[in-house]
Amino acid sequence: KQPTFQQNLFAIIDSRGVKDSAVYKKADIDRRLFAKIRADID
């Protein structure tokens, strides 16, 4: 089984040392939605 979207996304974010808040603000995504993505691997 390949890594999920969530796993790949946060691997990129963590490897770049970017704060979650910087990503969801730049992406124009609600903080709660971003937290939901962070919490759910699938």
PDB file of all heavy atoms in Angstrom:
ATOM      1  N   LYS A   1       0.848  -1.192   0.000  1.00  0.00           N
ATOM      2  CA  LYS A   1       0.000   0.000   0.000  1.00  0.00           C
ATOM      3  C   LYS A   1       0.884   1.243   0.000  1.00  0.00           C
ATOM      4  O   LYS A   1       1.839   1.331   0.758  1.00  0.00           O
ATOM      5  CB  LYS A   1      -0.909   0.000   1.236  1.00  0.00           C
ATOM      6  CG  LYS A   1      -1.947   1.104   1.190  1.00  0.00           C
ATOM      7  CD  LYS A   1      -2.822   1.096   2.415  1.00  0.00           C
ATOM      8  CE  LYS A   1      -3.804   2.259   2.359  1.00  0.00           C
ATOM      9  NZ  LYS A   1      -4.552   2.421   3.598  1.00  0.00           N
ATOM     10  N   GLN A   2       0.555   2.170  -0.897  1.00  0.00           N
ATOM     11  CA  GLN A   2       1.326   3.405  -1.007  1.00  0.00           C
ATOM     12  C   GLN A   2       0.880   4.398   0.066  1.00  0.00           C
ATOM     13  O   GLN A   2      -0.242   4.334   0.560  1.00  0.00           O
ATOM     14  CB  GLN A   2       1.117   4.018  -2.399  1.00  0.00           C
ATOM     15  CG  GLN A   2       1.604   3.153  -3.547  1.00  0.00           C
ATOM     16  CD  GLN A   2       3.097   2.909  -3.482  1.00  0.00           C
ATOM     17  OE1 GLN A   2       3.884   3.831  -3.398  1.00  0.00           O
ATOM     18  NE2 GLN A   2       3.492   1.634  -3.485  1.00  0.00           N
ATOM     19  N   PRO A   3       1.756   5.359   0.413  1.00  0.00           N
ATOM     20  CA  PRO A   3       1.356   6.388   1.387  1.00  0.00           C
ATOM     21  C   PRO A   3       0.141   7.162   0.883  1.00  0.00           C
ATOM     22  O   PRO A   3      -0.017   7.370  -0.316  1.00  0.00           O
ATOM     23  CB  PRO A   3       2.595   7.293   1.467  1.00  0.00           C
ATOM     24  CG  PRO A   3       3.725   6.447   0.993  1.00  0.00           C
ATOM     25  CD  PRO A   3       3.143   5.495  -0.017  1.00  0.00           C
ATOM     26  N   THR A   4      -0.696   7.584   1.795  1.00  0.00           N
ATOM     27  CA  THR A   4      -1.919   8.311   1.439  1.00  0.00           C
ATOM     28  C   THR A   4      -1.599   9.770   1.099  1.00  0.00           C
ATOM     29  O   THR A   4      -0.469  10.238   1.316  1.00  0.00           O
ATOM     30  CB  THR A   4      -2.928   8.295   2.604  1.00  0.00           C
ATOM     31  OG1 THR A   4      -2.348   9.034   3.704  1.00  0.00           O
ATOM     32  CG2 THR A   4      -3.253   6.888   3.043  1.00  0.00           C
ATOM     33  N   PHE A   5      -2.617  10.473   0.632  1.00  0.00           N
ATOM     34  CA  PHE A   5      -2.473  11.909   0.348  1.00  0.00           C
ATOM     35  C   PHE A   5      -1.997  12.632   1.605  1.00  0.00           C
ATOM     36  O   PHE A   5      -1.079  13.450   1.561  1.00  0.00           O
ATOM     37  CB  PHE A   5      -3.812  12.487  -0.122  1.00  0.00           C
ATOM     38  CG  PHE A   5      -3.805  13.982  -0.255  1.00  0.00           C
ATOM     39  CD1 PHE A   5      -3.338  14.589  -1.419  1.00  0.00           C
ATOM     40  CD2 PHE A   5      -4.254  14.802   0.780  1.00  0.00           C
ATOM     41  CE1 PHE A   5      -3.309  15.969  -1.549  1.00  0.00           C
ATOM     42  CE2 PHE A   5      -4.226  16.187   0.664  1.00  0.00           C
ATOM     43  CZ  PHE A   5      -3.759  16.777  -0.499  1.00  0.00           C
ATOM     44  N   GLN A   6      -2.636  12.331   2.731  1.00  0.00           N
ATOM     45  CA  GLN A   6      -2.307  13.001   3.991  1.00  0.00           C
ATOM     46  C   GLN A   6      -0.853  12.761   4.378  1.00  0.00           C
ATOM     47  O   GLN A   6      -0.131  13.678   4.770  1.00  0.00           O
ATOM     48  CB  GLN A   6      -3.267  12.507   5.096  1.00  0.00           C
ATOM     49  CG  GLN A   6      -3.143  13.246   6.415  1.00  0.00           C
ATOM     50  CD  GLN A   6      -2.256  12.511   7.432  1.00  0.00           C
ATOM     51  OE1 GLN A   6      -1.478  11.632   7.079  1.00  0.00           O
ATOM     52  NE2 GLN A   6      -2.398  12.882   8.688  1.00  0.00           N
ATOM     53  N   GLN A   7      -0.401  11.514   4.252  1.00  0.00           N
ATOM     54  CA  GLN A   7       0.978  11.183   4.611  1.00  0.00           C
ATOM     55  C   GLN A   7       1.976  11.912   3.707  1.00  0.00           C
ATOM     56  O   GLN A   7       2.978  12.450   4.185  1.00  0.00           O
ATOM     57  CB  GLN A   7       1.194   9.673   4.525  1.00  0.00           C
ATOM     58  CG  GLN A   7       0.475   8.890   5.620  1.00  0.00           C
ATOM     59  CD  GLN A   7       0.539   7.391   5.387  1.00  0.00           C
ATOM     60  OE1 GLN A   7       0.292   6.913   4.279  1.00  0.00           O
ATOM     61  NE2 GLN A   7       0.874   6.651   6.430  1.00  0.00           N
ATOM     62  N   ASN A   8       1.703  11.924   2.409  1.00  0.00           N
ATOM     63  CA  ASN A   8       2.585  12.611   1.465  1.00  0.00           C
ATOM     64  C   ASN A   8       2.595  14.120   1.705  1.00  0.00           C
ATOM     65  O   ASN A   8       3.652  14.748   1.681  1.00  0.00           O
ATOM     66  CB  ASN A   8       2.155  12.322   0.023  1.00  0.00           C
ATOM     67  CG  ASN A   8       2.603  10.956  -0.441  1.00  0.00           C
ATOM     68  OD1 ASN A   8       3.788  10.687  -0.537  1.00  0.00           O
ATOM     69  ND2 ASN A   8       1.659  10.082  -0.720  1.00  0.00           N
ATOM     70  N   LEU A   9       1.409  14.679   1.932  1.00  0.00           N
ATOM     71  CA  LEU A   9       1.287  16.123   2.156  1.00  0.00           C
ATOM     72  C   LEU A   9       2.124  16.560   3.348  1.00  0.00           C
ATOM     73  O   LEU A   9       2.929  17.494   3.257  1.00  0.00           O
ATOM     74  CB  LEU A   9      -0.184  16.495   2.376  1.00  0.00           C
ATOM     75  CG  LEU A   9      -0.448  17.947   2.803  1.00  0.00           C
ATOM     76  CD1 LEU A   9      -0.110  18.904   1.664  1.00  0.00           C
ATOM     77  CD2 LEU A   9      -1.898  18.118   3.235  1.00  0.00           C
ATOM     78  N   PHE A  10       1.947  15.863   4.477  1.00  0.00           N
ATOM     79  CA  PHE A  10       2.645  16.294   5.690  1.00  0.00           C
ATOM     80  C   PHE A  10       4.116  15.904   5.693  1.00  0.00           C
ATOM     81  O   PHE A  10       4.923  16.533   6.386  1.00  0.00           O
ATOM     82  CB  PHE A  10       1.896  15.821   6.936  1.00  0.00           C
ATOM     83  CG  PHE A  10       0.621  16.598   7.135  1.00  0.00           C
ATOM     84  CD1 PHE A  10      -0.613  16.035   6.848  1.00  0.00           C
ATOM     85  CD2 PHE A  10       0.662  17.925   7.532  1.00  0.00           C
ATOM     86  CE1 PHE A  10      -1.782  16.771   6.984  1.00  0.00           C
ATOM     87  CE2 PHE A  10      -0.496  18.675   7.673  1.00  0.00           C
ATOM     88  CZ  PHE A  10      -1.720  18.093   7.397  1.00  0.00           C
ATOM     89  N   ALA A  11       4.485  14.939   4.888  1.00  0.00           N
ATOM     90  CA  ALA A  11       5.917  14.635   4.712  1.00  0.00           C
ATOM     91  C   ALA A  11       6.591  15.824   4.023  1.00  0.00           C
ATOM     92  O   ALA A  11       7.702  16.227   4.396  1.00  0.00           O
ATOM     93  CB  ALA A  11       6.096  13.367   3.882  1.00  0.00           C
ATOM     94  N   ILE A  12       5.887  16.407   3.023  1.00  0.00           N
ATOM     95  CA  ILE A  12       6.430  17.582   2.317  1.00  0.00           C
ATOM     96  C   ILE A  12       6.497  18.779   3.264  1.00  0.00           C
ATOM     97  O   ILE A  12       7.522  19.464   3.359  1.00  0.00           O
ATOM     98  CB  ILE A  12       5.561  17.928   1.079  1.00  0.00           C
ATOM     99  CG1 ILE A  12       5.631  16.809   0.041  1.00  0.00           C
ATOM    100  CG2 ILE A  12       6.000  19.251   0.463  1.00  0.00           C
ATOM    101  CD1 ILE A  12       4.583  16.908  -1.059  1.00  0.00           C
ATOM    102  N   ILE A  13       5.392  19.019   3.985  1.00  0.00           N
ATOM    103  CA  ILE A  13       5.328  20.160   4.913  1.00  0.00           C
ATOM    104  C   ILE A  13       6.410  20.042   5.979  1.00  0.00           C
ATOM    105  O   ILE A  13       7.158  20.995   6.242  1.00  0.00           O
ATOM    106  CB  ILE A  13       3.927  20.264   5.557  1.00  0.00           C
ATOM    107  CG1 ILE A  13       2.892  20.665   4.499  1.00  0.00           C
ATOM    108  CG2 ILE A  13       3.930  21.266   6.716  1.00  0.00           C
ATOM    109  CD1 ILE A  13       1.451  20.603   4.964  1.00  0.00           C
ATOM    110  N   ASP A  14       6.527  18.860   6.584  1.00  0.00           N
ATOM    111  CA  ASP A  14       7.497  18.662   7.672  1.00  0.00           C
ATOM    112  C   ASP A  14       8.936  18.752   7.164  1.00  0.00           C
ATOM    113  O   ASP A  14       9.808  19.282   7.852  1.00  0.00           O
ATOM    114  CB  ASP A  14       7.246  17.321   8.374  1.00  0.00           C
ATOM    115  CG  ASP A  14       5.882  17.276   9.071  1.00  0.00           C
ATOM    116  OD1 ASP A  14       5.301  18.361   9.299  1.00  0.00           O
ATOM    117  OD2 ASP A  14       5.385  16.171   9.366  1.00  0.00           O
ATOM    118  N   SER A  15       9.184  18.230   5.952  1.00  0.00           N
ATOM    119  CA  SER A  15      10.546  18.272   5.405  1.00  0.00           C
ATOM    120  C   SER A  15      10.989  19.702   5.113  1.00  0.00           C
ATOM    121  O   SER A  15      12.170  20.013   5.113  1.00  0.00           O
ATOM    122  CB  SER A  15      10.646  17.423   4.131  1.00  0.00           C
ATOM    123  OG  SER A  15       9.967  18.056   3.067  1.00  0.00           O
ATOM    124  N   ARG A  16      10.015  20.570   4.864  1.00  0.00           N
ATOM    125  CA  ARG A  16      10.345  21.976   4.571  1.00  0.00           C
ATOM    126  C   ARG A  16      10.357  22.844   5.820  1.00  0.00           C
ATOM    127  O   ARG A  16      10.713  24.020   5.759  1.00  0.00           O
ATOM    128  CB  ARG A  16       9.346  22.543   3.560  1.00  0.00           C
ATOM    129  CG  ARG A  16       9.462  21.877   2.198  1.00  0.00           C
ATOM    130  CD  ARG A  16       8.556  22.510   1.193  1.00  0.00           C
ATOM    131  NE  ARG A  16       8.731  21.903  -0.120  1.00  0.00           N
ATOM    132  CZ  ARG A  16       8.188  22.370  -1.219  1.00  0.00           C
ATOM    133  NH1 ARG A  16       7.429  23.446  -1.179  1.00  0.00           N
ATOM    134  NH2 ARG A  16       8.403  21.774  -2.373  1.00  0.00           N
ATOM    135  N   GLY A  17       9.914  22.267   6.933  1.00  0.00           N
ATOM    136  CA  GLY A  17       9.890  23.020   8.181  1.00  0.00           C
ATOM    137  C   GLY A  17       8.918  24.191   8.156  1.00  0.00           C
ATOM    138  O   GLY A  17       9.137  25.221   8.804  1.00  0.00           O
ATOM    139  N   VAL A  18       7.838  24.025   7.390  1.00  0.00           N
ATOM    140  CA  VAL A  18       6.832  25.089   7.272  1.00  0.00           C
ATOM    141  C   VAL A  18       5.772  24.901   8.356  1.00  0.00           C
ATOM    142  O   VAL A  18       5.387  23.774   8.670  1.00  0.00           O
ATOM    143  CB  VAL A  18       6.145  25.033   5.884  1.00  0.00           C
ATOM    144  CG1 VAL A  18       5.199  26.210   5.688  1.00  0.00           C
ATOM    145  CG2 VAL A  18       7.176  25.005   4.779  1.00  0.00           C
ATOM    146  N   LYS A  19       5.303  25.989   8.915  1.00  0.00           N
ATOM    147  CA  LYS A  19       4.242  25.914   9.926  1.00  0.00           C
ATOM    148  C   LYS A  19       2.913  25.610   9.254  1.00  0.00           C
ATOM    149  O   LYS A  19       2.632  26.107   8.160  1.00  0.00           O
ATOM    150  CB  LYS A  19       4.133  27.238  10.690  1.00  0.00           C
ATOM    151  CG  LYS A  19       5.277  27.496  11.651  1.00  0.00           C
ATOM    152  CD  LYS A  19       5.031  28.777  12.423  1.00  0.00           C
ATOM    153  CE  LYS A  19       6.142  29.021  13.430  1.00  0.00           C
ATOM    154  NZ  LYS A  19       5.946  30.295  14.151  1.00  0.00           N
ATOM    155  N   ASP A  20       2.074  24.830   9.947  1.00  0.00           N
ATOM    156  CA  ASP A  20       0.743  24.509   9.423  1.00  0.00           C
ATOM    157  C   ASP A  20      -0.047  25.778   9.106  1.00  0.00           C
ATOM    158  O   ASP A  20      -0.713  25.877   8.073  1.00  0.00           O
ATOM    159  CB  ASP A  20      -0.049  23.658  10.419  1.00  0.00           C
ATOM    160  CG  ASP A  20       0.419  22.205  10.447  1.00  0.00           C
ATOM    161  OD1 ASP A  20       1.383  21.881   9.722  1.00  0.00           O
ATOM    162  OD2 ASP A  20      -0.183  21.400  11.184  1.00  0.00           O
ATOM    163  N   SER A  21       0.035  26.762  10.010  1.00  0.00           N
ATOM    164  CA  SER A  21      -0.739  27.995   9.837  1.00  0.00           C
ATOM    165  C   SER A  21      -0.343  28.720   8.552  1.00  0.00           C
ATOM    166  O   SER A  21      -1.198  29.274   7.853  1.00  0.00           O
ATOM    167  CB  SER A  21      -0.552  28.923  11.039  1.00  0.00           C
ATOM    168  OG  SER A  21       0.829  29.219  11.216  1.00  0.00           O
ATOM    169  N   ALA A  22       0.941  28.681   8.209  1.00  0.00           N
ATOM    170  CA  ALA A  22       1.406  29.338   6.979  1.00  0.00           C
ATOM    171  C   ALA A  22       0.824  28.645   5.756  1.00  0.00           C
ATOM    172  O   ALA A  22       0.443  29.297   4.771  1.00  0.00           O
ATOM    173  CB  ALA A  22       2.927  29.317   6.921  1.00  0.00           C
ATOM    174  N   VAL A  23       0.711  27.306   5.832  1.00  0.00           N
ATOM    175  CA  VAL A  23       0.203  26.540   4.684  1.00  0.00           C
ATOM    176  C   VAL A  23      -1.290  26.782   4.488  1.00  0.00           C
ATOM    177  O   VAL A  23      -1.728  27.115   3.379  1.00  0.00           O
ATOM    178  CB  VAL A  23       0.478  25.027   4.847  1.00  0.00           C
ATOM    179  CG1 VAL A  23      -0.139  24.239   3.695  1.00  0.00           C
ATOM    180  CG2 VAL A  23       1.968  24.758   4.935  1.00  0.00           C
ATOM    181  N   TYR A  24      -2.096  26.645   5.563  1.00  0.00           N
ATOM    182  CA  TYR A  24      -3.538  26.768   5.349  1.00  0.00           C
ATOM    183  C   TYR A  24      -3.963  28.200   5.038  1.00  0.00           C
ATOM    184  O   TYR A  24      -4.943  28.425   4.338  1.00  0.00           O
ATOM    185  CB  TYR A  24      -4.370  26.131   6.468  1.00  0.00           C
ATOM    186  CG  TYR A  24      -4.313  26.737   7.854  1.00  0.00           C
ATOM    187  CD1 TYR A  24      -4.906  27.963   8.146  1.00  0.00           C
ATOM    188  CD2 TYR A  24      -3.719  26.041   8.900  1.00  0.00           C
ATOM    189  CE1 TYR A  24      -4.886  28.492   9.418  1.00  0.00           C
ATOM    190  CE2 TYR A  24      -3.688  26.564  10.183  1.00  0.00           C
ATOM    191  CZ  TYR A  24      -4.265  27.798  10.452  1.00  0.00           C
ATOM    192  OH  TYR A  24      -4.243  28.313  11.713  1.00  0.00           O
ATOM    193  N   LYS A  25      -3.187  29.178   5.527  1.00  0.00           N
ATOM    194  CA  LYS A  25      -3.509  30.575   5.183  1.00  0.00           C
ATOM    195  C   LYS A  25      -3.193  30.837   3.709  1.00  0.00           C
ATOM    196  O   LYS A  25      -3.977  31.452   2.999  1.00  0.00           O
ATOM    197  CB  LYS A  25      -2.721  31.539   6.066  1.00  0.00           C
ATOM    198  CG  LYS A  25      -3.307  31.676   7.474  1.00  0.00           C
ATOM    199  CD  LYS A  25      -2.449  32.559   8.356  1.00  0.00           C
ATOM    200  CE  LYS A  25      -3.002  32.592   9.772  1.00  0.00           C
ATOM    201  NZ  LYS A  25      -2.084  33.312  10.702  1.00  0.00           N
ATOM    202  N   LYS A  26      -2.033  30.359   3.278  1.00  0.00           N
ATOM    203  CA  LYS A  26      -1.628  30.556   1.881  1.00  0.00           C
ATOM    204  C   LYS A  26      -2.556  29.810   0.933  1.00  0.00           C
ATOM    205  O   LYS A  26      -2.825  30.254  -0.183  1.00  0.00           O
ATOM    206  CB  LYS A  26      -0.190  30.060   1.706  1.00  0.00           C
ATOM    207  CG  LYS A  26       0.548  30.698   0.562  1.00  0.00           C
ATOM    208  CD  LYS A  26       2.024  30.366   0.629  1.00  0.00           C
ATOM    209  CE  LYS A  26       2.762  30.992  -0.529  1.00  0.00           C
ATOM    210  NZ  LYS A  26       4.180  30.654  -0.525  1.00  0.00           N
ATOM    211  N   ALA A  27      -3.052  28.636   1.389  1.00  0.00           N
ATOM    212  CA  ALA A  27      -3.953  27.822   0.558  1.00  0.00           C
ATOM    213  C   ALA A  27      -5.404  28.308   0.629  1.00  0.00           C
ATOM    214  O   ALA A  27      -6.260  27.781  -0.077  1.00  0.00           O
ATOM    215  CB  ALA A  27      -3.883  26.360   1.003  1.00  0.00           C
ATOM    216  N   ASP A  28      -5.651  29.308   1.498  1.00  0.00           N
ATOM    217  CA  ASP A  28      -7.012  29.827   1.686  1.00  0.00           C
ATOM    218  C   ASP A  28      -7.968  28.703   2.114  1.00  0.00           C
ATOM    219  O   ASP A  28      -9.061  28.543   1.568  1.00  0.00           O
ATOM    220  CB  ASP A  28      -7.500  30.506   0.401  1.00  0.00           C
ATOM    221  CG  ASP A  28      -8.755  31.346   0.637  1.00  0.00           C
ATOM    222  OD1 ASP A  28      -8.949  31.825   1.760  1.00  0.00           O
ATOM    223  OD2 ASP A  28      -9.570  31.481  -0.309  1.00  0.00           O
ATOM    224  N   ILE A  29      -7.477  27.907   3.097  1.00  0.00           N
ATOM    225  CA  ILE A  29      -8.259  26.786   3.630  1.00  0.00           C
ATOM    226  C   ILE A  29      -8.566  27.060   5.104  1.00  0.00           C
ATOM    227  O   ILE A  29      -7.718  27.581   5.830  1.00  0.00           O
ATOM    228  CB  ILE A  29      -7.460  25.464   3.493  1.00  0.00           C
ATOM    229  CG1 ILE A  29      -7.372  25.064   2.021  1.00  0.00           C
ATOM    230  CG2 ILE A  29      -8.084  24.335   4.302  1.00  0.00           C
ATOM    231  CD1 ILE A  29      -6.477  23.877   1.769  1.00  0.00           C
ATOM    232  N   ASP A  30      -9.758  26.713   5.519  1.00  0.00           N
ATOM    233  CA  ASP A  30     -10.175  26.898   6.906  1.00  0.00           C
ATOM    234  C   ASP A  30      -9.273  26.096   7.849  1.00  0.00           C
ATOM    235  O   ASP A  30      -8.898  24.960   7.548  1.00  0.00           O
ATOM    236  CB  ASP A  30     -11.636  26.432   7.048  1.00  0.00           C
ATOM    237  CG  ASP A  30     -12.160  26.653   8.451  1.00  0.00           C
ATOM    238  OD1 ASP A  30     -12.355  27.818   8.831  1.00  0.00           O
ATOM    239  OD2 ASP A  30     -12.352  25.647   9.163  1.00  0.00           O
ATOM    240  N   ARG A  31      -8.926  26.687   8.985  1.00  0.00           N
ATOM    241  CA  ARG A  31      -8.051  26.033   9.964  1.00  0.00           C
ATOM    242  C   ARG A  31      -8.612  24.703  10.435  1.00  0.00           C
ATOM    243  O   ARG A  31      -7.892  23.720  10.602  1.00  0.00           O
ATOM    244  CB  ARG A  31      -7.839  26.964  11.174  1.00  0.00           C
ATOM    245  CG  ARG A  31      -6.947  26.392  12.266  1.00  0.00           C
ATOM    246  CD  ARG A  31      -6.812  27.362  13.426  1.00  0.00           C
ATOM    247  NE  ARG A  31      -8.099  27.737  13.992  1.00  0.00           N
ATOM    248  CZ  ARG A  31      -8.781  26.998  14.876  1.00  0.00           C
ATOM    249  NH1 ARG A  31      -8.321  25.828  15.263  1.00  0.00           N
ATOM    250  NH2 ARG A  31      -9.935  27.416  15.352  1.00  0.00           N
ATOM    251  N   ARG A  32      -9.942  24.636  10.630  1.00  0.00           N
ATOM    252  CA  ARG A  32     -10.564  23.387  11.106  1.00  0.00           C
ATOM    253  C   ARG A  32     -10.470  22.278  10.072  1.00  0.00           C
ATOM    254  O   ARG A  32     -10.258  21.118  10.404  1.00  0.00           O
ATOM    255  CB  ARG A  32     -12.028  23.640  11.490  1.00  0.00           C
ATOM    256  CG  ARG A  32     -12.187  24.403  12.810  1.00  0.00           C
ATOM    257  CD  ARG A  32     -13.589  24.909  13.000  1.00  0.00           C
ATOM    258  NE  ARG A  32     -13.949  25.863  11.949  1.00  0.00           N
ATOM    259  CZ  ARG A  32     -15.103  26.497  11.889  1.00  0.00           C
ATOM    260  NH1 ARG A  32     -16.035  26.267  12.783  1.00  0.00           N
ATOM    261  NH2 ARG A  32     -15.353  27.356  10.920  1.00  0.00           N
ATOM    262  N   LEU A  33     -10.617  22.662   8.795  1.00  0.00           N
ATOM    263  CA  LEU A  33     -10.472  21.662   7.734  1.00  0.00           C
ATOM    264  C   LEU A  33      -9.040  21.142   7.699  1.00  0.00           C
ATOM    265  O   LEU A  33      -8.804  19.943   7.568  1.00  0.00           O
ATOM    266  CB  LEU A  33     -10.839  22.277   6.366  1.00  0.00           C
ATOM    267  CG  LEU A  33     -10.548  21.416   5.136  1.00  0.00           C
ATOM    268  CD1 LEU A  33     -11.289  20.083   5.203  1.00  0.00           C
ATOM    269  CD2 LEU A  33     -10.896  22.152   3.852  1.00  0.00           C
ATOM    270  N   PHE A  34      -8.081  22.041   7.837  1.00  0.00           N
ATOM    271  CA  PHE A  34      -6.679  21.634   7.816  1.00  0.00           C
ATOM    272  C   PHE A  34      -6.365  20.717   8.991  1.00  0.00           C
ATOM    273  O   PHE A  34      -5.653  19.716   8.845  1.00  0.00           O
ATOM    274  CB  PHE A  34      -5.770  22.868   7.844  1.00  0.00           C
ATOM    275  CG  PHE A  34      -4.349  22.563   7.495  1.00  0.00           C
ATOM    276  CD1 PHE A  34      -3.943  22.474   6.164  1.00  0.00           C
ATOM    277  CD2 PHE A  34      -3.401  22.345   8.488  1.00  0.00           C
ATOM    278  CE1 PHE A  34      -2.625  22.173   5.833  1.00  0.00           C
ATOM    279  CE2 PHE A  34      -2.086  22.047   8.170  1.00  0.00           C
ATOM    280  CZ  PHE A  34      -1.695  21.962   6.839  1.00  0.00           C
ATOM    281  N   ALA A  35      -6.936  21.031  10.167  1.00  0.00           N
ATOM    282  CA  ALA A  35      -6.736  20.189  11.357  1.00  0.00           C
ATOM    283  C   ALA A  35      -7.335  18.800  11.128  1.00  0.00           C
ATOM    284  O   ALA A  35      -6.785  17.785  11.571  1.00  0.00           O
ATOM    285  CB  ALA A  35      -7.374  20.849  12.579  1.00  0.00           C
ATOM    286  N   LYS A  36      -8.451  18.769  10.424  1.00  0.00           N
ATOM    287  CA  LYS A  36      -9.112  17.498  10.094  1.00  0.00           C
ATOM    288  C   LYS A  36      -8.203  16.644   9.204  1.00  0.00           C
ATOM    289  O   LYS A  36      -8.075  15.433   9.399  1.00  0.00           O
ATOM    290  CB  LYS A  36     -10.424  17.819   9.355  1.00  0.00           C
ATOM    291  CG  LYS A  36     -11.532  16.814   9.507  1.00  0.00           C
ATOM    292  CD  LYS A  36     -12.768  17.413   8.857  1.00  0.00           C
ATOM    293  CE  LYS A  36     -13.933  16.470   8.924  1.00  0.00           C
ATOM    294  NZ  LYS A  36     -15.127  17.040   8.280  1.00  0.00           N
ATOM    295  N   ILE A  37      -7.581  17.292   8.210  1.00  0.00           N
ATOM    296  CA  ILE A  37      -6.666  16.580   7.311  1.00  0.00           C
ATOM    297  C   ILE A  37      -5.475  16.061   8.108  1.00  0.00           C
ATOM    298  O   ILE A  37      -5.044  14.920   7.946  1.00  0.00           O
ATOM    299  CB  ILE A  37      -6.183  17.500   6.159  1.00  0.00           C
ATOM    300  CG1 ILE A  37      -7.362  17.975   5.315  1.00  0.00           C
ATOM    301  CG2 ILE A  37      -5.170  16.774   5.283  1.00  0.00           C
ATOM    302  CD1 ILE A  37      -7.014  19.053   4.288  1.00  0.00           C
ATOM    303  N   ARG A  38      -4.928  16.906   8.994  1.00  0.00           N
ATOM    304  CA  ARG A  38      -3.770  16.533   9.819  1.00  0.00           C
ATOM    305  C   ARG A  38      -4.085  15.326  10.705  1.00  0.00           C
ATOM    306  O   ARG A  38      -3.246  14.447  10.897  1.00  0.00           O
ATOM    307  CB  ARG A  38      -3.347  17.739  10.657  1.00  0.00           C
ATOM    308  CG  ARG A  38      -2.295  17.513  11.705  1.00  0.00           C
ATOM    309  CD  ARG A  38      -0.943  17.176  11.163  1.00  0.00           C
ATOM    310  NE  ARG A  38      -0.043  18.278  10.935  1.00  0.00           N
ATOM    311  CZ  ARG A  38       1.239  18.119  10.615  1.00  0.00           C
ATOM    312  NH1 ARG A  38       1.762  16.911  10.506  1.00  0.00           N
ATOM    313  NH2 ARG A  38       2.008  19.151  10.381  1.00  0.00           N
ATOM    314  N   ALA A  39      -5.320  15.252  11.213  1.00  0.00           N
ATOM    315  CA  ALA A  39      -5.700  14.204  12.173  1.00  0.00           C
ATOM    316  C   ALA A  39      -6.076  12.873  11.531  1.00  0.00           C
ATOM    317  O   ALA A  39      -6.020  11.825  12.175  1.00  0.00           O
ATOM    318  CB  ALA A  39      -6.854  14.697  13.038  1.00  0.00           C
ATOM    319  N   ASP A  40      -6.489  12.903  10.259  1.00  0.00           N
ATOM    320  CA  ASP A  40      -7.007  11.688   9.615  1.00  0.00           C
ATOM    321  C   ASP A  40      -6.088  11.221   8.494  1.00  0.00           C
ATOM    322  O   ASP A  40      -6.012  11.850   7.435  1.00  0.00           O
ATOM    323  CB  ASP A  40      -8.415  11.964   9.059  1.00  0.00           C
ATOM    324  CG  ASP A  40      -9.074  10.731   8.466  1.00  0.00           C
ATOM    325  OD1 ASP A  40      -8.444   9.656   8.439  1.00  0.00           O
ATOM    326  OD2 ASP A  40     -10.232  10.855   8.014  1.00  0.00           O
ATOM    327  N   ILE A  41      -5.399  10.108   8.731  1.00  0.00           N
ATOM    328  CA  ILE A  41      -4.432   9.576   7.751  1.00  0.00           C
ATOM    329  C   ILE A  41      -5.092   9.215   6.421  1.00  0.00           C
ATOM    330  O   ILE A  41      -4.468   9.268   5.368  1.00  0.00           O
ATOM    331  CB  ILE A  41      -3.699   8.347   8.347  1.00  0.00           C
ATOM    332  CG1 ILE A  41      -2.454   8.025   7.516  1.00  0.00           C
ATOM    333  CG2 ILE A  41      -4.608   7.151   8.471  1.00  0.00           C
ATOM    334  CD1 ILE A  41      -1.565   6.980   8.134  1.00  0.00           C
ATOM    335  N   ASP A  42      -6.380   8.861   6.470  1.00  0.00           N
ATOM    336  CA  ASP A  42      -7.094   8.458   5.250  1.00  0.00           C
ATOM    337  C   ASP A  42      -7.999   9.561   4.709  1.00  0.00           C
ATOM    338  O   ASP A  42      -8.893   9.291   3.906  1.00  0.00           O
ATOM    339  CB  ASP A  42      -7.923   7.194   5.520  1.00  0.00           C
ATOM    340  CG  ASP A  42      -7.039   5.981   5.756  1.00  0.00           C
ATOM    341  OD1 ASP A  42      -6.075   5.802   4.992  1.00  0.00           O
ATOM    342  OD2 ASP A  42      -7.298   5.232   6.721  1.00  0.00           O
TER     343      ASP A  42
END
